[in-house]
Protein backbone atom coordinates (compact mmCIF):
# COMPACT_ATOMS: atom_id res chain seq x y z
CA MET A 1 98.50 34.98 23.97
CA PRO A 2 100.75 32.46 25.74
CA SER A 3 100.11 29.01 24.29
CA ASN A 4 99.92 27.45 27.73
CA LEU A 5 96.85 29.44 28.80
CA SER A 6 93.79 27.33 29.53
CA VAL A 7 90.35 28.15 28.18
CA LEU A 8 89.46 29.26 31.71
CA GLU A 9 92.35 31.71 31.84
CA ILE A 10 91.56 33.07 28.39
CA THR A 11 87.95 33.65 29.42
CA GLU A 12 89.12 35.54 32.49
CA ARG A 13 91.23 37.85 30.31
CA LEU A 14 88.30 38.56 28.02
CA ILE A 15 85.90 39.32 30.87
CA ALA A 16 88.35 41.89 32.23
CA MET A 17 88.00 43.87 28.97
CA PRO A 18 84.62 45.68 29.26
CA THR A 19 82.52 45.56 26.10
CA HIS A 20 79.07 46.21 27.56
CA ASN A 21 76.73 47.66 24.97
CA PRO A 22 76.34 50.57 25.32
CA GLY A 23 79.30 51.92 27.28
CA GLY A 24 82.06 49.41 26.63
CA ASP A 25 84.97 49.41 24.23
CA GLU A 26 84.35 46.96 21.36
CA PRO A 27 87.25 48.26 19.23
CA ALA A 28 89.78 47.61 22.01
CA LEU A 29 88.78 43.98 22.31
CA ALA A 30 88.58 43.58 18.54
CA GLN A 31 92.15 44.86 18.19
CA TYR A 32 93.30 42.50 20.92
CA LEU A 33 91.63 39.56 19.22
CA ALA A 34 93.10 40.56 15.86
CA THR A 35 96.57 40.37 17.37
CA GLU A 36 95.85 36.95 18.85
CA LEU A 37 94.48 35.64 15.55
CA ARG A 38 97.59 36.78 13.72
CA GLU A 39 99.74 34.97 16.29
CA LEU A 40 97.59 31.89 15.70
CA ARG A 41 98.75 31.95 12.07
CA ALA A 42 95.61 33.11 10.31
CA ASP A 43 96.24 33.70 6.61
CA ALA A 44 94.65 37.14 6.83
CA VAL A 45 93.06 39.22 9.58
CA ASP A 46 90.82 42.24 9.02
CA CYS A 47 89.75 44.40 11.96
CA GLN A 48 87.01 46.87 11.12
CA THR A 49 85.94 49.72 13.41
CA PHE A 50 83.25 52.29 12.67
CA GLU A 51 80.90 54.68 14.42
CA ILE A 52 77.11 54.54 14.22
CA ASP A 53 74.86 56.95 16.11
CA GLY A 54 77.78 58.09 18.24
CA ARG A 55 78.73 54.56 19.30
CA ARG A 56 81.94 52.80 18.27
CA ARG A 57 81.45 49.35 16.77
CA ALA A 58 83.93 46.73 15.64
CA TYR A 59 84.41 43.27 14.22
CA VAL A 60 87.46 41.16 13.40
CA PHE A 61 87.52 38.50 10.70
CA ALA A 62 90.30 35.94 10.33
CA ARG A 63 90.71 33.77 7.27
CA PHE A 64 92.27 30.32 7.26
CA GLY A 65 92.46 29.22 3.63
CA THR A 66 89.36 29.95 1.54
CA PRO A 67 86.50 29.93 4.06
CA LYS A 68 83.47 27.78 3.45
CA LEU A 69 82.60 27.43 7.15
CA LEU A 70 82.21 30.46 9.43
CA VAL A 71 82.57 30.30 13.21
CA ASN A 72 81.08 33.39 14.85
CA ALA A 73 80.79 34.76 18.39
CA HIS A 74 79.86 38.26 19.48
CA ILE A 75 82.25 40.35 21.55
CA ASP A 76 79.76 42.70 23.19
CA THR A 77 77.74 42.03 26.33
CA VAL A 78 74.75 43.68 27.91
CA PRO A 79 75.45 46.26 30.63
CA PRO A 80 75.97 44.72 34.08
CA ASN A 81 72.74 43.78 35.84
CA ALA A 82 72.16 45.78 39.02
CA GLY A 83 72.18 42.61 41.11
CA TYR A 84 75.88 41.75 40.77
CA SER A 85 77.40 40.83 44.12
CA ALA A 86 80.91 41.90 43.06
CA ASP A 87 82.72 43.70 40.23
CA PRO A 88 81.33 42.09 37.03
CA PHE A 89 84.63 42.74 35.21
CA LYS A 90 86.74 40.90 37.78
CA PRO A 91 86.12 37.20 37.07
CA ARG A 92 86.06 34.93 40.06
CA ARG A 93 86.12 31.18 40.41
CA GLU A 94 83.49 29.65 42.64
CA GLY A 95 83.74 25.90 42.88
CA GLY A 96 83.35 24.58 39.36
CA ARG A 97 82.00 27.85 37.99
CA LEU A 98 83.50 31.01 36.52
CA VAL A 99 81.49 34.13 37.41
CA GLY A 100 81.63 37.41 35.50
CA LEU A 101 79.93 39.47 32.82
CA GLY A 102 80.05 37.63 29.51
CA THR A 103 81.09 34.22 30.80
CA ALA A 104 78.11 32.61 29.09
CA ASP A 105 77.16 35.29 26.57
CA THR A 106 79.59 34.87 24.82
CA LYS A 107 83.19 35.41 25.96
CA GLY A 108 83.43 31.80 27.07
CA ALA A 109 82.76 30.78 23.48
CA ILE A 110 85.42 33.19 22.19
CA ALA A 111 87.91 31.70 24.63
CA ALA A 112 86.99 28.17 23.54
CA ILE A 113 87.61 29.12 19.90
CA LEU A 114 90.98 30.73 20.68
CA ALA A 115 92.07 27.78 22.83
CA ALA A 116 91.11 25.39 20.04
CA LEU A 117 93.00 27.42 17.43
CA GLY A 118 96.09 27.03 19.56
CA LYS A 119 95.83 23.24 19.20
CA SER A 120 94.38 22.74 15.72
CA ARG A 121 94.85 25.02 12.73
CA PRO A 122 91.74 24.90 10.50
CA ARG A 123 91.54 24.99 6.74
CA ASP A 124 88.93 26.88 4.73
CA VAL A 125 87.40 28.36 7.89
CA GLY A 126 86.58 31.96 8.75
CA ILE A 127 86.52 33.23 12.34
CA LEU A 128 84.28 36.23 12.98
CA PHE A 129 84.25 38.03 16.32
CA SER A 130 81.55 40.68 15.91
CA GLY A 131 80.19 43.54 18.00
CA ASP A 132 76.80 45.18 18.42
CA GLU A 133 74.90 41.90 18.71
CA GLU A 134 73.15 43.01 21.89
CA ARG A 135 71.59 46.10 20.30
CA ASP A 136 71.33 46.80 16.59
CA GLY A 137 73.26 44.08 14.75
CA ASN A 138 75.22 46.58 12.68
CA CYS A 139 78.42 44.53 12.71
CA ILE A 140 76.91 41.32 11.37
CA ARG A 141 75.19 43.37 8.66
CA ALA A 142 78.51 45.02 7.76
CA PHE A 143 80.16 41.61 7.54
CA ILE A 144 77.38 40.23 5.33
CA GLU A 145 77.80 43.19 2.98
CA SER A 146 81.60 42.79 2.88
CA PRO A 147 83.69 40.69 0.47
CA HIS A 148 84.54 38.37 3.38
CA LYS A 149 81.17 36.64 3.03
CA LYS A 150 82.01 35.31 -0.44
CA GLY A 151 82.24 31.53 -0.60
CA ILE A 152 80.91 30.89 2.93
CA THR A 153 78.03 28.41 2.87
CA GLN A 154 77.66 27.31 6.51
CA ALA A 155 78.11 28.88 9.93
CA ILE A 156 78.32 27.90 13.59
CA VAL A 157 76.99 30.85 15.60
CA CYS A 158 77.99 30.83 19.25
CA GLU A 159 75.37 31.52 21.89
CA PRO A 160 74.80 29.84 25.28
CA THR A 161 73.10 26.54 24.39
CA ASN A 162 74.76 24.24 26.95
CA LEU A 163 76.62 22.72 23.97
CA LYS A 164 73.40 21.67 22.30
CA VAL A 165 72.84 22.47 18.64
CA GLY A 166 70.08 25.04 18.13
CA VAL A 167 68.28 24.86 14.81
CA ARG A 168 65.18 27.11 15.08
CA HIS A 169 63.98 30.26 16.79
CA ARG A 170 61.46 33.05 16.41
CA GLY A 171 62.03 36.36 14.68
CA ILE A 172 61.24 39.72 16.22
CA ALA A 173 59.80 42.90 14.80
CA VAL A 174 58.97 46.18 16.54
CA LEU A 175 56.47 48.65 15.14
CA GLU A 176 55.76 52.20 16.29
CA ALA A 177 52.59 54.12 15.47
CA ARG A 178 52.61 57.86 16.09
CA ILE A 179 49.96 60.56 15.95
CA LEU A 180 50.63 64.29 16.03
CA ALA A 181 47.71 66.55 16.98
CA GLU A 182 46.88 70.12 17.98
CA GLY A 183 46.78 69.56 21.72
CA GLY A 184 45.36 72.04 24.18
CA HIS A 185 43.38 72.60 27.36
CA SER A 186 41.32 69.63 28.52
CA SER A 187 38.19 71.81 28.61
CA ARG A 188 38.29 71.53 24.80
CA ALA A 189 38.51 67.72 24.80
CA ASP A 190 35.15 67.29 23.06
CA ALA A 191 36.35 69.33 20.09
CA LEU A 192 40.01 68.35 19.64
CA PRO A 193 41.63 65.11 18.46
CA ALA A 194 42.61 62.61 21.15
CA PRO A 195 45.80 60.88 19.99
CA ILE A 196 46.14 58.56 22.97
CA ALA A 197 42.55 57.37 22.64
CA ARG A 198 43.00 56.81 18.91
CA LEU A 199 46.14 54.74 19.42
CA GLY A 200 44.47 52.99 22.32
CA GLY A 201 41.90 51.68 19.87
CA LEU A 202 44.69 50.54 17.58
CA ALA A 203 46.45 48.83 20.49
CA VAL A 204 43.31 46.84 21.26
CA ALA A 205 42.85 45.92 17.59
CA TRP A 206 46.45 44.73 17.26
CA HIS A 207 46.24 42.83 20.54
CA ASP A 208 43.02 41.07 19.55
CA TRP A 209 44.51 40.15 16.17
CA GLY A 210 47.51 38.61 17.89
CA GLN A 211 45.32 36.69 20.33
CA SER A 212 43.23 35.32 17.47
CA ARG A 213 46.40 33.70 16.13
CA ALA A 214 47.68 32.31 19.42
CA HIS A 215 47.52 28.73 18.12
CA ILE A 216 49.03 29.05 14.67
CA GLY A 217 52.61 28.08 13.93
CA PRO A 218 54.75 24.94 13.77
CA PRO A 219 55.01 22.53 16.74
CA GLY A 220 56.80 24.19 19.61
CA TYR A 221 56.11 27.72 18.39
CA PRO A 222 52.41 28.54 18.77
CA GLY A 223 51.25 32.09 18.26
CA LEU A 224 52.91 35.38 17.38
CA CYS A 225 53.71 36.68 20.90
CA LEU A 226 52.31 40.11 19.99
CA ASN A 227 53.06 42.45 22.89
CA VAL A 228 51.59 45.91 23.34
CA ALA A 229 54.72 47.34 24.92
CA SER A 230 53.88 51.00 25.55
CA LEU A 231 51.47 53.83 24.86
CA ASP A 232 53.08 57.19 25.60
CA GLY A 233 52.12 60.80 25.22
CA GLY A 234 50.23 62.55 28.02
CA VAL A 235 51.75 65.20 30.33
CA ALA A 236 48.95 66.13 32.76
CA PHE A 237 45.27 65.49 33.45
CA ASN A 238 44.26 68.92 32.19
CA VAL A 239 46.29 68.83 28.96
CA ILE A 240 45.13 67.28 25.70
CA PRO A 241 48.26 65.57 24.33
CA SER A 242 49.75 66.91 21.13
CA GLU A 243 51.27 63.55 20.30
CA ALA A 244 51.15 59.88 21.23
CA THR A 245 53.25 56.84 20.37
CA LEU A 246 52.23 53.19 20.48
CA THR A 247 54.91 50.49 20.44
CA VAL A 248 54.26 46.80 19.81
CA SER A 249 56.55 43.86 19.31
CA VAL A 250 55.77 40.60 17.60
CA ARG A 251 57.77 37.36 17.39
CA PRO A 252 56.86 35.29 14.34
CA PRO A 253 57.57 31.55 14.46
CA PRO A 254 60.17 29.87 12.25
CA GLY A 255 59.11 29.89 8.63
CA MET A 256 56.94 33.01 8.86
CA GLU A 257 58.08 36.10 6.96
CA ASN A 258 58.13 39.39 8.86
CA ALA A 259 57.06 41.33 5.77
CA ASN A 260 53.66 39.68 5.46
CA MET A 261 52.91 40.11 9.15
CA LEU A 262 53.99 43.77 9.15
CA ARG A 263 51.85 44.40 6.07
CA VAL A 264 48.77 43.14 7.90
CA LEU A 265 49.51 45.30 10.95
CA SER A 266 50.06 48.32 8.72
CA ASN A 267 46.74 47.80 6.95
CA MET A 268 44.99 47.56 10.31
CA ALA A 269 46.55 50.87 11.38
CA GLN A 270 45.32 52.56 8.22
CA SER A 271 41.83 51.27 8.94
CA VAL A 272 41.65 52.02 12.68
CA ALA A 273 43.83 55.14 12.95
CA PRO A 274 44.51 56.46 9.42
CA GLU A 275 46.10 59.65 10.78
CA SER A 276 48.92 57.64 12.35
CA THR A 277 52.38 57.25 10.85
CA LEU A 278 54.20 53.94 11.19
CA LYS A 279 57.88 53.15 11.73
CA ILE A 280 59.53 49.72 11.88
CA THR A 281 62.37 49.98 14.41
CA VAL A 282 63.37 46.29 14.53
CA ASP A 283 62.99 43.78 11.72
CA ASN A 284 64.86 40.58 12.60
CA PRO A 285 63.86 37.42 10.72
CA SER A 286 63.03 34.07 12.23
CA PHE A 287 65.52 31.24 11.86
CA GLN A 288 65.36 27.64 10.74
CA SER A 289 68.47 25.70 9.76
CA ARG A 290 68.02 24.26 6.28
CA ALA A 291 70.21 21.16 6.66
CA PRO A 292 71.25 20.73 10.31
CA ALA A 293 72.36 17.13 9.76
CA GLU A 294 75.23 18.38 7.62
CA PHE A 295 76.82 20.00 10.68
CA ALA A 296 77.45 16.55 12.15
CA ARG A 297 80.61 16.60 10.06
CA TRP A 298 82.04 19.20 12.44
CA LEU A 299 80.04 18.85 15.64
CA GLY A 300 79.74 15.07 15.78
CA ASP A 301 77.71 13.76 18.69
CA PHE A 302 76.68 17.28 19.75
CA SER A 303 74.46 17.44 16.67
CA LYS A 304 72.53 14.25 17.40
CA HIS A 305 69.84 15.94 19.50
CA PRO A 306 69.08 19.39 17.99
CA VAL A 307 67.01 21.81 20.04
CA ASP A 308 64.69 24.74 19.47
CA LEU A 309 65.69 28.07 21.01
CA GLY A 310 63.53 30.54 22.87
CA TYR A 311 65.64 33.58 22.03
CA TRP A 312 66.79 35.41 18.90
CA THR A 313 70.29 35.07 17.44
CA GLU A 314 72.24 36.49 14.52
CA ALA A 315 72.14 33.06 12.90
CA ALA A 316 68.91 34.40 11.41
CA MET A 317 70.78 37.19 9.64
CA LEU A 318 73.34 34.80 8.18
CA SER A 319 70.60 32.39 7.11
CA GLN A 320 68.69 35.20 5.41
CA ALA A 321 71.91 36.02 3.55
CA GLY A 322 72.15 32.47 2.20
CA ILE A 323 74.49 30.95 4.80
CA ASP A 324 73.00 27.88 6.50
CA ALA A 325 73.67 27.97 10.23
CA VAL A 326 73.28 26.32 13.60
CA VAL A 327 73.68 27.83 17.08
CA PHE A 328 76.13 26.27 19.54
CA GLY A 329 78.14 27.27 22.58
CA PRO A 330 78.91 26.89 26.28
CA GLY A 331 76.74 28.36 29.02
CA ASP A 332 73.03 28.55 29.73
CA ILE A 333 70.71 31.29 28.49
CA ALA A 334 69.21 31.30 32.01
CA GLN A 335 72.43 32.93 33.26
CA ALA A 336 72.85 35.36 30.37
CA HIS A 337 71.90 38.99 31.11
CA GLY A 338 71.35 38.22 34.79
CA PRO A 339 73.37 39.18 37.87
CA ASP A 340 76.45 37.07 38.66
CA GLU A 341 76.48 35.48 35.20
CA TRP A 342 78.41 32.20 35.25
CA VAL A 343 79.48 29.23 33.20
CA GLU A 344 80.61 25.78 34.26
CA VAL A 345 84.37 25.42 33.86
CA ALA A 346 83.90 21.84 32.66
CA GLU A 347 81.59 23.11 29.93
CA LEU A 348 84.19 25.64 28.79
CA GLU A 349 86.69 22.81 28.50
CA ARG A 350 84.23 20.67 26.54
CA ALA A 351 83.54 23.61 24.23
CA ALA A 352 87.25 24.07 23.55
CA GLN A 353 87.56 20.39 22.67
CA ALA A 354 84.48 20.64 20.45
CA PHE A 355 86.13 23.41 18.44
CA VAL A 356 89.38 21.45 18.27
CA ASN A 357 87.32 18.77 16.53
CA VAL A 358 85.67 21.33 14.26
CA PHE A 359 89.03 22.70 13.14
CA ALA A 360 90.70 19.31 12.84
CA THR A 361 87.84 18.07 10.68
CA SER A 362 88.04 21.11 8.44
CA ALA A 363 91.74 20.48 7.91
CA SER A 364 91.37 16.78 7.08
């Protein structure tokens, strides 16, 4: 990467490399970033690519010294929203904004990190650009299980926070209940099992349980946000379904363990619909930074007014693995995942300077 490129120009290059998940090419961008990190004089660069469920995933980790601090941003984006007014992979400048898929979430942050590395070489810092954040989190899990994690105690995880330091957010778990039955003609409905009706009763029980806890939780995070998302199974009015599936999601507040909550929901299913089988499809922990004040060393004034976040991040995975973390980056979550995603150019420039300070401090 030419050293004279601005953070704006770097962001434009990254947007032009599609990594929408699914459908994009994470390994291509990871290889590109690996080359750039080598040119930026990293002591070692490891680019990992692998395939899971037919999809190609990738992450790249660069080591400067013996990392104690990790700086992480994800390379994948969501697929383009249908409301884009122009090609989402052709960035365009509109006044003081840069528009394009990933500007806020989180290619602007990647660009800020790269621009900062061109001005300040860190010491004892690891840079992780990871894929699959927008779906299954397989890359961050692979990193956590790798030898690269050794010695890392703190992490700055990049998400669009308008350069505020995020220190707490909810977890999220998704539970499926399924019933298989004989099925048949609706004239036999009085004699045959009714899987949708049975799971309907469970849906009401789970919903009522969630509502009864709508006021629990720490300040700023009341309730469990239990959502009965779907109840599927029927094919026609005159057919008794042979199967039905109920899907619920729940978002526990910071400090609440998913395991205890899922145990309660499982016990309720055994009581209300004992013939059902349960499957946990998502099990992402809540997040609460253990010592956010310690990040003032790197983030300075940005850390003076920490904020709670309304969305989930992979900081929770790192925290669960013993790495204390905060969330920080350019852009606004209100623009992420929407049509004509944008970020303020001035905020990109401030982010680049923030990471210059992070790296300079690590080297001092």
